[in-house]
Every structure is written in structure tokens, then in C-alpha cells.
N, C-alpha and C. Protein backbone atom coordinates (compact mmCIF):
# COMPACT_ATOMS: atom_id res chain seq x y z
N MET A 1 -9.60 -1.98 -19.79
CA MET A 1 -9.52 -2.06 -20.85
C MET A 1 -8.85 -0.47 -21.28
N SER A 2 -7.57 -0.48 -22.04
CA SER A 2 -7.17 0.63 -22.27
C SER A 2 -7.57 1.01 -23.97
N LEU A 3 -7.41 2.10 -24.21
CA LEU A 3 -7.78 2.55 -25.52
C LEU A 3 -7.14 1.85 -26.55
N ILE A 4 -5.93 1.40 -26.24
CA ILE A 4 -4.79 0.93 -27.29
C ILE A 4 -5.49 -0.53 -27.69
N GLU A 5 -5.92 -1.10 -26.42
CA GLU A 5 -6.68 -2.58 -26.58
C GLU A 5 -8.01 -2.45 -27.27
N LEU A 6 -8.53 -1.14 -26.94
CA LEU A 6 -10.04 -1.22 -27.60
C LEU A 6 -9.52 -0.92 -29.30
N ASN A 7 -8.76 -0.18 -29.61
CA ASN A 7 -8.55 0.07 -31.06
C ASN A 7 -8.44 -1.07 -31.80
N LYS A 8 -7.60 -1.92 -31.04
CA LYS A 8 -7.12 -3.52 -31.53
C LYS A 8 -8.28 -4.31 -31.78
N ILE A 9 -9.12 -4.32 -30.93
CA ILE A 9 -10.48 -4.92 -30.95
C ILE A 9 -11.13 -4.54 -32.13
N ILE A 10 -11.35 -3.11 -32.37
CA ILE A 10 -12.17 -2.71 -33.69
C ILE A 10 -11.45 -2.90 -34.72
N ALA A 11 -9.97 -2.99 -34.91
CA ALA A 11 -9.15 -3.27 -36.03
C ALA A 11 -9.27 -4.78 -36.24
N ASN A 12 -9.44 -5.58 -35.38
CA ASN A 12 -9.62 -6.91 -35.46
C ASN A 12 -11.07 -7.34 -36.12
N LEU A 13 -11.96 -6.53 -35.52
CA LEU A 13 -13.21 -6.58 -36.07
C LEU A 13 -13.40 -6.38 -37.70
N LYS A 14 -12.72 -5.45 -38.12
CA LYS A 14 -12.61 -4.90 -39.47
C LYS A 14 -11.88 -6.02 -40.29
N GLU A 15 -10.83 -6.56 -39.49
CA GLU A 15 -9.97 -7.65 -40.07
C GLU A 15 -10.72 -8.77 -40.49
N GLN A 16 -11.62 -9.26 -39.43
CA GLN A 16 -12.54 -10.49 -39.31
C GLN A 16 -13.62 -10.59 -40.36
N PHE A 17 -14.13 -9.37 -40.46
CA PHE A 17 -15.30 -9.01 -41.39
C PHE A 17 -15.10 -7.93 -42.41
N PRO A 18 -14.32 -8.31 -43.22
CA PRO A 18 -13.85 -7.13 -44.29
C PRO A 18 -15.05 -6.70 -45.04
N HIS A 19 -16.11 -7.49 -45.26
CA HIS A 19 -16.99 -7.31 -46.10
C HIS A 19 -18.35 -6.72 -45.40
N ALA A 20 -18.26 -6.79 -43.92
CA ALA A 20 -19.28 -6.31 -42.94
C ALA A 20 -19.70 -4.95 -43.53
N SER A 21 -20.94 -4.52 -43.38
CA SER A 21 -21.41 -3.06 -43.50
C SER A 21 -20.89 -2.20 -42.39
N HIS A 22 -20.98 -0.92 -42.73
CA HIS A 22 -20.48 0.03 -41.71
C HIS A 22 -21.61 -0.20 -40.54
N ASP A 23 -22.85 -0.36 -40.71
CA ASP A 23 -23.79 -0.48 -39.52
C ASP A 23 -23.47 -1.69 -38.75
N ILE A 24 -23.16 -2.96 -39.16
CA ILE A 24 -22.63 -3.90 -38.42
C ILE A 24 -21.30 -3.65 -37.34
N LEU A 25 -20.52 -2.94 -38.11
CA LEU A 25 -19.32 -2.69 -37.27
C LEU A 25 -19.67 -1.59 -36.20
N LEU A 26 -20.45 -0.74 -36.79
CA LEU A 26 -20.88 0.52 -35.75
C LEU A 26 -21.77 -0.25 -34.38
N GLN A 27 -22.66 -1.48 -34.94
CA GLN A 27 -23.38 -2.07 -33.71
C GLN A 27 -22.29 -2.81 -32.88
N GLU A 28 -21.36 -3.42 -33.43
CA GLU A 28 -20.28 -4.02 -32.60
C GLU A 28 -19.51 -3.19 -31.71
N SER A 29 -19.10 -1.86 -32.52
CA SER A 29 -18.32 -1.04 -31.77
C SER A 29 -19.09 -0.57 -30.51
N SER A 30 -20.53 -0.44 -30.83
CA SER A 30 -21.49 0.33 -29.73
C SER A 30 -21.46 -0.61 -28.46
N LYS A 31 -21.43 -1.81 -28.70
CA LYS A 31 -21.47 -2.94 -27.55
C LYS A 31 -20.07 -2.61 -26.83
N ILE A 32 -19.06 -2.48 -27.27
CA ILE A 32 -17.71 -2.14 -26.63
C ILE A 32 -18.05 -0.90 -26.06
N TYR A 33 -18.61 0.16 -26.64
CA TYR A 33 -18.57 1.54 -25.89
C TYR A 33 -19.46 1.50 -24.77
N GLN A 34 -20.69 0.49 -24.90
CA GLN A 34 -21.29 0.59 -23.57
C GLN A 34 -20.71 -0.28 -22.50
N ALA A 35 -19.62 -1.19 -22.84
CA ALA A 35 -18.92 -1.73 -21.93
C ALA A 35 -18.21 -0.87 -21.20
N LEU A 36 -17.57 0.10 -21.81
CA LEU A 36 -16.87 1.00 -21.32
C LEU A 36 -17.65 2.03 -20.47
N LEU A 37 -18.55 2.38 -20.87
CA LEU A 37 -19.41 3.03 -20.12
C LEU A 37 -19.67 2.56 -18.66
N ALA A 38 -19.94 1.18 -18.88
CA ALA A 38 -20.31 0.34 -17.51
C ALA A 38 -19.08 0.54 -16.50
N ILE A 39 -17.86 0.65 -16.98
CA ILE A 39 -16.79 0.41 -16.39
C ILE A 39 -16.23 2.13 -15.86
N GLY A 40 -16.92 3.16 -16.35
CA GLY A 40 -16.84 4.20 -16.01
C GLY A 40 -15.68 5.05 -16.85
N LEU A 41 -15.51 4.70 -18.25
CA LEU A 41 -14.73 5.44 -19.15
C LEU A 41 -15.80 6.31 -20.07
N GLU A 42 -15.95 7.55 -19.74
CA GLU A 42 -16.42 8.43 -20.56
C GLU A 42 -15.77 9.18 -21.29
N GLY A 43 -16.34 10.03 -22.17
CA GLY A 43 -15.79 11.10 -23.09
C GLY A 43 -14.90 10.31 -24.14
N VAL A 44 -15.60 9.05 -24.56
CA VAL A 44 -14.84 8.28 -25.66
C VAL A 44 -15.78 8.24 -26.90
N ARG A 45 -15.05 8.44 -28.21
CA ARG A 45 -15.65 8.52 -29.33
C ARG A 45 -15.11 7.25 -30.22
N ILE A 46 -15.74 6.63 -30.68
CA ILE A 46 -15.48 5.44 -31.58
C ILE A 46 -15.67 5.72 -33.00
N ASN A 47 -14.67 5.72 -33.67
CA ASN A 47 -14.93 5.60 -35.31
C ASN A 47 -14.72 4.29 -35.99
N SER A 48 -15.59 3.60 -36.21
CA SER A 48 -15.52 2.34 -36.72
C SER A 48 -15.08 1.88 -38.10
N ARG A 49 -15.33 3.32 -39.06
CA ARG A 49 -14.78 3.37 -40.41
C ARG A 49 -13.34 3.24 -40.53
N ILE A 50 -12.61 3.70 -39.52
CA ILE A 50 -11.29 3.68 -39.45
C ILE A 50 -10.72 2.80 -38.48
N GLY A 51 -11.52 2.31 -37.56
CA GLY A 51 -11.14 1.59 -36.44
C GLY A 51 -10.29 2.09 -35.34
N GLU A 52 -10.90 3.21 -34.92
CA GLU A 52 -10.05 4.15 -33.97
C GLU A 52 -11.02 4.72 -32.67
N VAL A 53 -10.35 4.90 -31.88
CA VAL A 53 -11.26 5.33 -30.53
C VAL A 53 -10.35 6.53 -30.05
N LYS A 54 -10.94 7.49 -29.57
CA LYS A 54 -10.24 8.81 -29.15
C LYS A 54 -11.02 9.10 -27.79
N THR A 55 -10.39 9.67 -27.03
CA THR A 55 -10.92 10.40 -25.81
C THR A 55 -11.37 11.77 -26.17
N LEU A 56 -12.02 12.37 -25.32
CA LEU A 56 -12.66 13.84 -25.65
C LEU A 56 -11.38 14.67 -25.53
N GLN A 57 -10.53 14.51 -24.33
CA GLN A 57 -9.34 15.29 -24.31
C GLN A 57 -8.53 15.15 -25.69
N ARG A 58 -8.36 13.95 -26.37
CA ARG A 58 -7.33 13.98 -27.45
C ARG A 58 -8.35 14.57 -28.67
N MET A 59 -9.31 14.53 -28.60
CA MET A 59 -9.92 15.21 -29.93
C MET A 59 -9.90 16.55 -29.80
N GLN A 60 -10.00 17.16 -28.52
CA GLN A 60 -9.82 18.55 -28.10
C GLN A 60 -8.47 19.09 -28.43
N GLN A 61 -7.48 18.30 -28.09
CA GLN A 61 -6.07 18.78 -28.54
C GLN A 61 -5.79 18.68 -30.06
N GLU A 62 -6.22 17.67 -30.62
CA GLU A 62 -6.12 17.55 -32.26
C GLU A 62 -6.87 18.74 -32.93
N ALA A 63 -8.15 19.09 -32.30
CA ALA A 63 -8.82 20.46 -33.00
C ALA A 63 -8.06 21.51 -32.57
N GLY A 64 -7.35 21.91 -31.54
CA GLY A 64 -6.51 22.93 -31.16
C GLY A 64 -5.24 23.02 -32.07
N GLN A 65 -4.68 22.01 -32.20
CA GLN A 65 -3.54 21.86 -32.99
C GLN A 65 -3.99 22.05 -34.56
N SER A 66 -4.88 21.54 -35.10
CA SER A 66 -5.27 22.04 -36.37
C SER A 66 -5.83 23.50 -36.63
N LEU A 67 -6.28 23.93 -35.51
CA LEU A 67 -6.53 25.37 -35.77
C LEU A 67 -5.43 26.14 -35.84
N ARG A 68 -4.29 25.84 -34.94
CA ARG A 68 -2.91 26.37 -35.00
C ARG A 68 -2.40 26.54 -35.93
N GLU A 69 -2.22 25.22 -36.64
CA GLU A 69 -1.85 25.14 -38.03
C GLU A 69 -2.37 25.90 -39.18
N ARG A 70 -3.66 25.96 -39.08
CA ARG A 70 -4.25 26.70 -39.95
C ARG A 70 -3.85 28.48 -40.02
N ARG A 71 -3.76 28.62 -38.75
CA ARG A 71 -3.26 30.17 -38.70
C ARG A 71 -1.89 30.34 -38.42
N GLY A 72 -1.31 29.22 -38.84
CA GLY A 72 0.09 29.32 -38.95
C GLY A 72 1.00 29.60 -37.71
N LYS A 73 0.34 29.47 -36.79
CA LYS A 73 1.11 29.41 -35.35
C LYS A 73 1.40 28.15 -34.64
N PRO A 74 2.71 28.00 -33.86
CA PRO A 74 3.04 26.77 -33.47
C PRO A 74 2.07 26.40 -32.16
């Protein structure tokens, strides 16, 4: 399962259950996360509030980019 597919699943959960509490979405996302760990995908963070999944590498890249932008460097 790719991250794009996982993002679609989480977005679909939010679509199907628009009035679901954050806790319920988080619980469902947690099940997906556990399945990912079972197949060996580590370093993944799921943000069920916005229906997004990021790898650790992507989070680090974005953090570095944000820091460079604040410092005014390319």
C-alpha cells in the first residue's frame, strides 16, 4: 500500500463520517497505521484531522525547507 493510497483511505473515512469525532478518525487511522507497521513501513505519521500521511523523511525535508525560508535562504 502506498502513501497515496493510504491518504485516500483516510480522506474517504473523513468523507464517509463527516460528523465523526477526531477520536474515531484517529482510532481508524491507528488501525491503518498498525497494518503498515505489520508490512514493514516505519517512520510514518498519520494526521487524521487533515487526512494526511507523511514519512519521516518528508517531515524532515519540510522542516528544513521551512527553516531555510525563515532564514531567507534558498
